Amino acid sequence: MDYEELCKAFEQEEQMKTKHLQKKAAKKKVTRQVKHDKIVMRDHVRGEMKRHIEYQIKSLRQRNAKDCDVVAFINKKFAQIRQIISE
């Protein structure tokens, strides 16, 4: 009887470990997916911001094309903005 109870207890412990490890693996998988989704969303937002800013800078350059100092200032600030966005 003791041997049979020991076998049952061992089998139950194996099932418990298996269930626990399965839940843990599923949680890690979900966590990785969530992290990946956040990275993709951040990259998408970054691209959208860059696209809108480039459009605005382009229109500023066209409106102020006659003044070289202003265009140089705009280009300098745009370079700084691109550097900040790329971080």
C-alpha atoms as a PDB file:
ATOM      1  CA  MET A   1       0.000   0.000   0.000  1.00  0.00           C
ATOM      2  CA  ASP A   2       2.727   2.442   0.849  1.00  0.00           C
ATOM      3  CA  TYR A   3       4.423   1.782  -2.474  1.00  0.00           C
ATOM      4  CA  GLU A   4       1.176   2.378  -4.386  1.00  0.00           C
ATOM      5  CA  GLU A   5       0.508   5.599  -2.498  1.00  0.00           C
ATOM      6  CA  LEU A   6       4.057   6.706  -3.174  1.00  0.00           C
ATOM      7  CA  CYS A   7       3.587   5.994  -6.904  1.00  0.00           C
ATOM      8  CA  LYS A   8       0.316   7.966  -6.944  1.00  0.00           C
ATOM      9  CA  ALA A   9       1.916  10.872  -5.115  1.00  0.00           C
ATOM     10  CA  PHE A  10       4.835  10.870  -7.542  1.00  0.00           C
ATOM     11  CA  GLU A  11       2.486  10.822 -10.561  1.00  0.00           C
ATOM     12  CA  GLN A  12       0.443  13.693  -9.123  1.00  0.00           C
ATOM     13  CA  GLU A  13       3.613  15.696  -8.489  1.00  0.00           C
ATOM     14  CA  GLU A  14       4.723  15.145 -12.099  1.00  0.00           C
ATOM     15  CA  GLN A  15       1.319  16.305 -13.353  1.00  0.00           C
ATOM     16  CA  MET A  16       1.484  19.366 -11.120  1.00  0.00           C
ATOM     17  CA  LYS A  17       4.944  20.241 -12.404  1.00  0.00           C
ATOM     18  CA  THR A  18       3.840  19.719 -15.945  1.00  0.00           C
ATOM     19  CA  LYS A  19       0.771  21.932 -15.514  1.00  0.00           C
ATOM     20  CA  HIS A  20       2.853  24.576 -13.783  1.00  0.00           C
ATOM     21  CA  LEU A  21       5.495  24.529 -16.487  1.00  0.00           C
ATOM     22  CA  GLN A  22       2.837  24.661 -19.190  1.00  0.00           C
ATOM     23  CA  LYS A  23       1.237  27.715 -17.588  1.00  0.00           C
ATOM     24  CA  LYS A  24       4.629  29.322 -17.160  1.00  0.00           C
ATOM     25  CA  ALA A  25       5.540  28.704 -20.809  1.00  0.00           C
ATOM     26  CA  ALA A  26       2.196  30.115 -21.957  1.00  0.00           C
ATOM     27  CA  LYS A  27       2.736  33.184 -19.801  1.00  0.00           C
ATOM     28  CA  LYS A  28       6.212  33.729 -21.254  1.00  0.00           C
ATOM     29  CA  LYS A  29       4.845  33.341 -24.757  1.00  0.00           C
ATOM     30  CA  VAL A  30       2.135  35.916 -24.110  1.00  0.00           C
ATOM     31  CA  THR A  31       4.646  38.227 -22.495  1.00  0.00           C
ATOM     32  CA  ARG A  32       6.996  37.986 -25.460  1.00  0.00           C
ATOM     33  CA  GLN A  33       4.126  38.658 -27.845  1.00  0.00           C
ATOM     34  CA  VAL A  34       3.025  41.678 -25.816  1.00  0.00           C
ATOM     35  CA  LYS A  35       6.567  43.025 -25.757  1.00  0.00           C
ATOM     36  CA  HIS A  36       6.886  42.503 -29.496  1.00  0.00           C
ATOM     37  CA  ASP A  37       3.577  44.284 -30.104  1.00  0.00           C
ATOM     38  CA  LYS A  38       4.748  47.244 -28.023  1.00  0.00           C
ATOM     39  CA  ILE A  39       7.981  47.461 -30.017  1.00  0.00           C
ATOM     40  CA  VAL A  40       6.094  47.328 -33.314  1.00  0.00           C
ATOM     41  CA  MET A  41       3.647  49.997 -32.145  1.00  0.00           C
ATOM     42  CA  ARG A  42       6.487  52.249 -30.986  1.00  0.00           C
ATOM     43  CA  ASP A  43       8.237  51.895 -34.345  1.00  0.00           C
ATOM     44  CA  HIS A  44       4.986  52.667 -36.136  1.00  0.00           C
ATOM     45  CA  VAL A  45       4.421  55.801 -34.045  1.00  0.00           C
ATOM     46  CA  ARG A  46       8.019  56.853 -34.591  1.00  0.00           C
ATOM     47  CA  GLY A  47       7.617  56.482 -38.358  1.00  0.00           C
ATOM     48  CA  GLU A  48       4.376  58.448 -38.367  1.00  0.00           C
ATOM     49  CA  MET A  49       5.936  61.258 -36.328  1.00  0.00           C
ATOM     50  CA  LYS A  50       8.926  61.417 -38.643  1.00  0.00           C
ATOM     51  CA  ARG A  51       6.695  61.490 -41.721  1.00  0.00           C
ATOM     52  CA  HIS A  52       4.558  64.346 -40.374  1.00  0.00           C
ATOM     53  CA  ILE A  53       7.568  66.343 -39.226  1.00  0.00           C
ATOM     54  CA  GLU A  54       9.310  65.900 -42.574  1.00  0.00           C
ATOM     55  CA  TYR A  55       6.191  67.205 -44.314  1.00  0.00           C
ATOM     56  CA  GLN A  56       6.062  70.285 -42.104  1.00  0.00           C
ATOM     57  CA  ILE A  57       9.791  70.970 -42.461  1.00  0.00           C
ATOM     58  CA  LYS A  58       9.540  70.633 -46.240  1.00  0.00           C
ATOM     59  CA  SER A  59       6.759  73.198 -46.375  1.00  0.00           C
ATOM     60  CA  LEU A  60       8.732  75.556 -44.100  1.00  0.00           C
ATOM     61  CA  ARG A  61      11.760  75.269 -46.365  1.00  0.00           C
ATOM     62  CA  GLN A  62       9.658  76.058 -49.439  1.00  0.00           C
ATOM     63  CA  ARG A  63       8.018  79.083 -47.816  1.00  0.00           C
ATOM     64  CA  ASN A  64      11.357  80.479 -46.628  1.00  0.00           C
ATOM     65  CA  ALA A  65      13.526  79.471 -49.586  1.00  0.00           C
ATOM     66  CA  LYS A  66      14.587  83.063 -50.308  1.00  0.00           C
ATOM     67  CA  ASP A  67      16.287  83.437 -46.900  1.00  0.00           C
ATOM     68  CA  CYS A  68      19.316  81.119 -46.644  1.00  0.00           C
ATOM     69  CA  ASP A  69      19.859  81.780 -42.937  1.00  0.00           C
ATOM     70  CA  VAL A  70      16.348  80.634 -42.068  1.00  0.00           C
ATOM     71  CA  VAL A  71      16.687  77.514 -44.208  1.00  0.00           C
ATOM     72  CA  ALA A  72      20.013  76.698 -42.531  1.00  0.00           C
ATOM     73  CA  PHE A  73      18.374  77.129 -39.122  1.00  0.00           C
ATOM     74  CA  ILE A  74      15.462  74.879 -40.164  1.00  0.00           C
ATOM     75  CA  ASN A  75      17.865  72.211 -41.437  1.00  0.00           C
ATOM     76  CA  LYS A  76      19.862  72.316 -38.198  1.00  0.00           C
ATOM     77  CA  LYS A  77      16.755  71.930 -36.049  1.00  0.00           C
ATOM     78  CA  PHE A  78      15.418  69.159 -38.282  1.00  0.00           C
ATOM     79  CA  ALA A  79      18.694  67.250 -37.864  1.00  0.00           C
ATOM     80  CA  GLN A  80      18.324  67.524 -34.081  1.00  0.00           C
ATOM     81  CA  ILE A  81      14.710  66.347 -34.252  1.00  0.00           C
ATOM     82  CA  ARG A  82      15.685  63.339 -36.394  1.00  0.00           C
ATOM     83  CA  GLN A  83      18.394  62.435 -33.889  1.00  0.00           C
ATOM     84  CA  ILE A  84      15.912  62.575 -31.005  1.00  0.00           C
ATOM     85  CA  ILE A  85      13.348  60.461 -32.871  1.00  0.00           C
ATOM     86  CA  SER A  86      15.904  57.806 -33.797  1.00  0.00           C
ATOM     87  CA  GLU A  87      16.783  57.105 -30.124  1.00  0.00           C
END
